[in-house]
Amino acid sequence: MGFVGSYVWKLRQVLGSQRILIAGVNAMILNAEDKIWLGKRSNGGEWCYMGGSLEIGQSLMDAVMAETYEETGLQTTPDDWTYAGVHSHPQETLYTYPGGDEVQAVNHLFFMRYEGTLQNGEDEEHSEFGLFDLENLPSPMKSDAVPAIKLLKAFLKTGKVQVR
């Protein structure tokens, strides 16, 4: 689902641009060498992994699979994904979109391995995609992306679900 008609869009019709709390999913797609696929957002030019907010009646797994499909056209199953943690630190998950809408997110981090290439899905949310080393990320990055990727790196190192 695109933004128009979504749960967050409906909230915006009532609350305007003021800060809202959202539940989100971060869909981090890595290859076998731990390089991460990032998309350059069409609305601002920042690099970020795939993801978005939950809709009413949607589970976390439904959301991660739907967001991945919407943004890349890649169809996944629950078995493709591993839960890596939750990122909710208020100072790191505050974000203002280019149009002025403010959010504070509670993001659930999922990752999967994929050896193909990514391209835009139905919503054309990204102007391009790139595969990057976790230690050498592109610039500019979406503000909450770097701390979330740090949590993913800690999960990959320890195997323990990360909470921040």
C-alpha atoms as a PDB file:
ATOM      1  CA  MET A   1       0.000   0.000   0.000  1.00  0.00           C
ATOM      2  CA  GLY A   2       1.275   3.452  -0.801  1.00  0.00           C
ATOM      3  CA  PHE A   3       1.132   6.314   1.687  1.00  0.00           C
ATOM      4  CA  VAL A   4      -2.275   7.680   0.627  1.00  0.00           C
ATOM      5  CA  GLY A   5      -4.953   5.727   2.471  1.00  0.00           C
ATOM      6  CA  SER A   6      -2.504   4.167   4.961  1.00  0.00           C
ATOM      7  CA  TYR A   7      -2.990   4.274   8.717  1.00  0.00           C
ATOM      8  CA  VAL A   8      -0.325   6.985   9.085  1.00  0.00           C
ATOM      9  CA  TRP A   9      -1.935   8.998   6.262  1.00  0.00           C
ATOM     10  CA  LYS A  10      -5.275   8.829   8.120  1.00  0.00           C
ATOM     11  CA  LEU A  11      -3.586  10.050  11.314  1.00  0.00           C
ATOM     12  CA  ARG A  12      -2.021  12.911   9.376  1.00  0.00           C
ATOM     13  CA  GLN A  13      -5.466  14.054   8.179  1.00  0.00           C
ATOM     14  CA  VAL A  14      -6.387  14.686  11.820  1.00  0.00           C
ATOM     15  CA  LEU A  15      -3.067  15.556  13.479  1.00  0.00           C
ATOM     16  CA  GLY A  16      -1.212  17.320  10.689  1.00  0.00           C
ATOM     17  CA  SER A  17       2.585  17.205  10.843  1.00  0.00           C
ATOM     18  CA  GLN A  18       2.931  16.962  14.636  1.00  0.00           C
ATOM     19  CA  ARG A  19       5.021  14.102  16.000  1.00  0.00           C
ATOM     20  CA  ILE A  20       3.321  10.714  16.127  1.00  0.00           C
ATOM     21  CA  LEU A  21       4.468   7.359  17.489  1.00  0.00           C
ATOM     22  CA  ILE A  22       4.611   4.553  14.937  1.00  0.00           C
ATOM     23  CA  ALA A  23       5.434   0.853  14.975  1.00  0.00           C
ATOM     24  CA  GLY A  24       7.779   0.071  12.133  1.00  0.00           C
ATOM     25  CA  VAL A  25       9.799  -2.657  10.484  1.00  0.00           C
ATOM     26  CA  ASN A  26      13.331  -2.409   9.122  1.00  0.00           C
ATOM     27  CA  ALA A  27      13.942  -4.935   6.340  1.00  0.00           C
ATOM     28  CA  MET A  28      17.703  -5.323   6.086  1.00  0.00           C
ATOM     29  CA  ILE A  29      18.797  -7.405   3.128  1.00  0.00           C
ATOM     30  CA  LEU A  30      22.368  -8.725   3.148  1.00  0.00           C
ATOM     31  CA  ASN A  31      24.367 -10.910   0.807  1.00  0.00           C
ATOM     32  CA  ALA A  32      26.626 -13.765   1.928  1.00  0.00           C
ATOM     33  CA  GLU A  33      29.533 -11.335   2.472  1.00  0.00           C
ATOM     34  CA  ASP A  34      27.463  -9.196   4.893  1.00  0.00           C
ATOM     35  CA  LYS A  35      27.051  -6.358   2.405  1.00  0.00           C
ATOM     36  CA  ILE A  36      23.730  -4.561   2.784  1.00  0.00           C
ATOM     37  CA  TRP A  37      21.311  -3.454   0.094  1.00  0.00           C
ATOM     38  CA  LEU A  38      20.283   0.186   0.535  1.00  0.00           C
ATOM     39  CA  GLY A  39      17.942   2.323  -1.499  1.00  0.00           C
ATOM     40  CA  LYS A  40      18.367   6.036  -2.143  1.00  0.00           C
ATOM     41  CA  ARG A  41      15.022   7.572  -1.182  1.00  0.00           C
ATOM     42  CA  SER A  42      13.249   9.498  -3.930  1.00  0.00           C
ATOM     43  CA  ASN A  43      11.910  12.015  -1.370  1.00  0.00           C
ATOM     44  CA  GLY A  44      15.124  13.510  -0.047  1.00  0.00           C
ATOM     45  CA  GLY A  45      18.013  11.490  -1.447  1.00  0.00           C
ATOM     46  CA  GLU A  46      18.963   9.726   1.796  1.00  0.00           C
ATOM     47  CA  TRP A  47      20.132   6.118   1.753  1.00  0.00           C
ATOM     48  CA  CYS A  48      18.237   3.574   3.843  1.00  0.00           C
ATOM     49  CA  TYR A  49      17.262  -0.092   4.060  1.00  0.00           C
ATOM     50  CA  MET A  50      13.700  -1.067   3.160  1.00  0.00           C
ATOM     51  CA  GLY A  51      10.928  -0.702   5.702  1.00  0.00           C
ATOM     52  CA  GLY A  52       7.859   1.119   6.835  1.00  0.00           C
ATOM     53  CA  SER A  53       5.109   1.273   9.411  1.00  0.00           C
ATOM     54  CA  LEU A  54       2.513  -1.299  10.337  1.00  0.00           C
ATOM     55  CA  GLU A  55      -1.054  -1.025   9.161  1.00  0.00           C
ATOM     56  CA  ILE A  56      -4.032  -1.834  11.384  1.00  0.00           C
ATOM     57  CA  GLY A  57      -4.528  -5.610  11.413  1.00  0.00           C
ATOM     58  CA  GLN A  58      -1.003  -6.345  10.148  1.00  0.00           C
ATOM     59  CA  SER A  59       1.598  -8.425  11.999  1.00  0.00           C
ATOM     60  CA  LEU A  60       5.297  -7.547  12.087  1.00  0.00           C
ATOM     61  CA  MET A  61       6.024 -10.381   9.642  1.00  0.00           C
ATOM     62  CA  ASP A  62       3.216  -9.287   7.309  1.00  0.00           C
ATOM     63  CA  ALA A  63       4.656  -5.758   7.373  1.00  0.00           C
ATOM     64  CA  VAL A  64       8.274  -6.730   6.669  1.00  0.00           C
ATOM     65  CA  MET A  65       7.239  -8.917   3.729  1.00  0.00           C
ATOM     66  CA  ALA A  66       4.824  -6.275   2.384  1.00  0.00           C
ATOM     67  CA  GLU A  67       7.320  -3.402   2.664  1.00  0.00           C
ATOM     68  CA  THR A  68      10.030  -5.463   0.974  1.00  0.00           C
ATOM     69  CA  TYR A  69       7.681  -6.327  -1.879  1.00  0.00           C
ATOM     70  CA  GLU A  70       6.366  -2.762  -2.247  1.00  0.00           C
ATOM     71  CA  GLU A  71       9.852  -1.267  -2.350  1.00  0.00           C
ATOM     72  CA  THR A  72      11.748  -3.908  -4.331  1.00  0.00           C
ATOM     73  CA  GLY A  73       9.260  -6.316  -5.907  1.00  0.00           C
ATOM     74  CA  LEU A  74      11.027  -9.133  -4.020  1.00  0.00           C
ATOM     75  CA  GLN A  75       8.580 -11.740  -2.725  1.00  0.00           C
ATOM     76  CA  THR A  76       9.662 -13.289   0.566  1.00  0.00           C
ATOM     77  CA  THR A  77       8.292 -15.771   3.088  1.00  0.00           C
ATOM     78  CA  PRO A  78       8.492 -15.748   6.903  1.00  0.00           C
ATOM     79  CA  ASP A  79      11.256 -18.371   6.717  1.00  0.00           C
ATOM     80  CA  ASP A  80      13.465 -15.880   4.831  1.00  0.00           C
ATOM     81  CA  TRP A  81      13.597 -13.467   7.774  1.00  0.00           C
ATOM     82  CA  THR A  82      15.465 -13.437  11.089  1.00  0.00           C
ATOM     83  CA  TYR A  83      14.456 -11.121  13.915  1.00  0.00           C
ATOM     84  CA  ALA A  84      17.492  -9.108  15.038  1.00  0.00           C
ATOM     85  CA  GLY A  85      16.106  -6.586  17.515  1.00  0.00           C
ATOM     86  CA  VAL A  86      14.111  -3.507  18.316  1.00  0.00           C
ATOM     87  CA  HIS A  87      15.287   0.073  17.902  1.00  0.00           C
ATOM     88  CA  SER A  88      13.275   2.550  19.957  1.00  0.00           C
ATOM     89  CA  HIS A  89      15.741   5.030  21.459  1.00  0.00           C
ATOM     90  CA  PRO A  90      13.848   8.352  21.217  1.00  0.00           C
ATOM     91  CA  GLN A  91      16.897  10.421  20.278  1.00  0.00           C
ATOM     92  CA  GLU A  92      17.754   8.025  17.434  1.00  0.00           C
ATOM     93  CA  THR A  93      14.306   7.242  16.048  1.00  0.00           C
ATOM     94  CA  LEU A  94      12.952  10.774  15.765  1.00  0.00           C
ATOM     95  CA  TYR A  95      12.627  11.699  12.106  1.00  0.00           C
ATOM     96  CA  THR A  96      11.193  14.611  10.170  1.00  0.00           C
ATOM     97  CA  TYR A  97      10.225  13.808   6.582  1.00  0.00           C
ATOM     98  CA  PRO A  98      10.988  16.369   3.852  1.00  0.00           C
ATOM     99  CA  GLY A  99       7.347  17.577   3.962  1.00  0.00           C
ATOM    100  CA  GLY A 100       7.592  18.312   7.710  1.00  0.00           C
ATOM    101  CA  ASP A 101       5.804  15.238   9.119  1.00  0.00           C
ATOM    102  CA  GLU A 102       7.454  14.133  12.397  1.00  0.00           C
ATOM    103  CA  VAL A 103       7.584  10.578  13.742  1.00  0.00           C
ATOM    104  CA  GLN A 104       9.099   8.702  16.629  1.00  0.00           C
ATOM    105  CA  ALA A 105       9.405   5.040  15.712  1.00  0.00           C
ATOM    106  CA  VAL A 106       9.598   1.749  17.512  1.00  0.00           C
ATOM    107  CA  ASN A 107      11.317  -0.215  14.755  1.00  0.00           C
ATOM    108  CA  HIS A 108      11.619  -3.983  14.658  1.00  0.00           C
ATOM    109  CA  LEU A 109      14.782  -5.094  12.860  1.00  0.00           C
ATOM    110  CA  PHE A 110      14.646  -8.082  10.529  1.00  0.00           C
ATOM    111  CA  PHE A 111      17.318  -9.311   8.156  1.00  0.00           C
ATOM    112  CA  MET A 112      17.565 -11.848   5.388  1.00  0.00           C
ATOM    113  CA  ARG A 113      20.190 -13.124   2.953  1.00  0.00           C
ATOM    114  CA  TYR A 114      19.692 -12.536  -0.747  1.00  0.00           C
ATOM    115  CA  GLU A 115      22.133 -13.028  -3.603  1.00  0.00           C
ATOM    116  CA  GLY A 116      20.206 -11.326  -6.414  1.00  0.00           C
ATOM    117  CA  THR A 117      19.870  -7.683  -7.374  1.00  0.00           C
ATOM    118  CA  LEU A 118      17.225  -5.261  -6.157  1.00  0.00           C
ATOM    119  CA  GLN A 119      15.104  -2.901  -8.190  1.00  0.00           C
ATOM    120  CA  ASN A 120      12.126  -0.665  -7.533  1.00  0.00           C
ATOM    121  CA  GLY A 121       8.813  -2.232  -6.690  1.00  0.00           C
ATOM    122  CA  GLU A 122       5.401  -0.765  -7.354  1.00  0.00           C
ATOM    123  CA  ASP A 123       5.830   2.436  -5.320  1.00  0.00           C
ATOM    124  CA  GLU A 124       9.144   3.652  -6.809  1.00  0.00           C
ATOM    125  CA  GLU A 125      10.227   4.860  -3.369  1.00  0.00           C
ATOM    126  CA  HIS A 126      13.912   4.753  -4.351  1.00  0.00           C
ATOM    127  CA  SER A 127      15.842   6.443  -7.141  1.00  0.00           C
ATOM    128  CA  GLU A 128      18.539   3.752  -7.061  1.00  0.00           C
ATOM    129  CA  PHE A 129      19.820   0.766  -5.089  1.00  0.00           C
ATOM    130  CA  GLY A 130      23.330  -0.102  -4.013  1.00  0.00           C
ATOM    131  CA  LEU A 131      25.156  -2.871  -2.181  1.00  0.00           C
ATOM    132  CA  PHE A 132      27.417  -1.529   0.589  1.00  0.00           C
ATOM    133  CA  ASP A 133      29.910  -2.824   3.112  1.00  0.00           C
ATOM    134  CA  LEU A 134      28.547  -2.437   6.663  1.00  0.00           C
ATOM    135  CA  GLU A 135      31.720  -0.532   7.581  1.00  0.00           C
ATOM    136  CA  ASN A 136      31.578   1.832   4.599  1.00  0.00           C
ATOM    137  CA  LEU A 137      28.038   3.203   4.268  1.00  0.00           C
ATOM    138  CA  PRO A 138      27.079   5.855   1.702  1.00  0.00           C
ATOM    139  CA  SER A 139      26.149   9.431   2.501  1.00  0.00           C
ATOM    140  CA  PRO A 140      23.745  10.922   3.273  1.00  0.00           C
ATOM    141  CA  MET A 141      22.063   8.224   5.376  1.00  0.00           C
ATOM    142  CA  LYS A 142      18.555   8.495   6.869  1.00  0.00           C
ATOM    143  CA  SER A 143      19.137   9.601  10.478  1.00  0.00           C
ATOM    144  CA  ASP A 144      17.874   6.441  12.182  1.00  0.00           C
ATOM    145  CA  ALA A 145      19.606   4.071   9.750  1.00  0.00           C
ATOM    146  CA  VAL A 146      23.158   4.198  11.115  1.00  0.00           C
ATOM    147  CA  PRO A 147      22.217   3.292  14.725  1.00  0.00           C
ATOM    148  CA  ALA A 148      19.879   0.535  13.450  1.00  0.00           C
ATOM    149  CA  ILE A 149      22.656  -0.921  11.296  1.00  0.00           C
ATOM    150  CA  LYS A 150      24.926  -0.807  14.362  1.00  0.00           C
ATOM    151  CA  LEU A 151      22.342  -2.980  16.159  1.00  0.00           C
ATOM    152  CA  LEU A 152      22.289  -5.382  13.211  1.00  0.00           C
ATOM    153  CA  LYS A 153      26.097  -5.647  13.299  1.00  0.00           C
ATOM    154  CA  ALA A 154      25.934  -6.452  17.040  1.00  0.00           C
ATOM    155  CA  PHE A 155      23.335  -9.139  16.343  1.00  0.00           C
ATOM    156  CA  LEU A 156      25.479 -10.668  13.582  1.00  0.00           C
ATOM    157  CA  LYS A 157      28.478 -10.721  15.952  1.00  0.00           C
ATOM    158  CA  THR A 158      26.708 -12.111  19.039  1.00  0.00           C
ATOM    159  CA  GLY A 159      23.597 -13.887  17.770  1.00  0.00           C
ATOM    160  CA  LYS A 160      21.647 -12.102  20.516  1.00  0.00           C
ATOM    161  CA  VAL A 161      18.556 -10.012  19.776  1.00  0.00           C
ATOM    162  CA  GLN A 162      19.441  -6.358  20.291  1.00  0.00           C
ATOM    163  CA  VAL A 163      17.265  -3.844  22.150  1.00  0.00           C
ATOM    164  CA  ARG A 164      17.857  -0.095  22.170  1.00  0.00           C
END
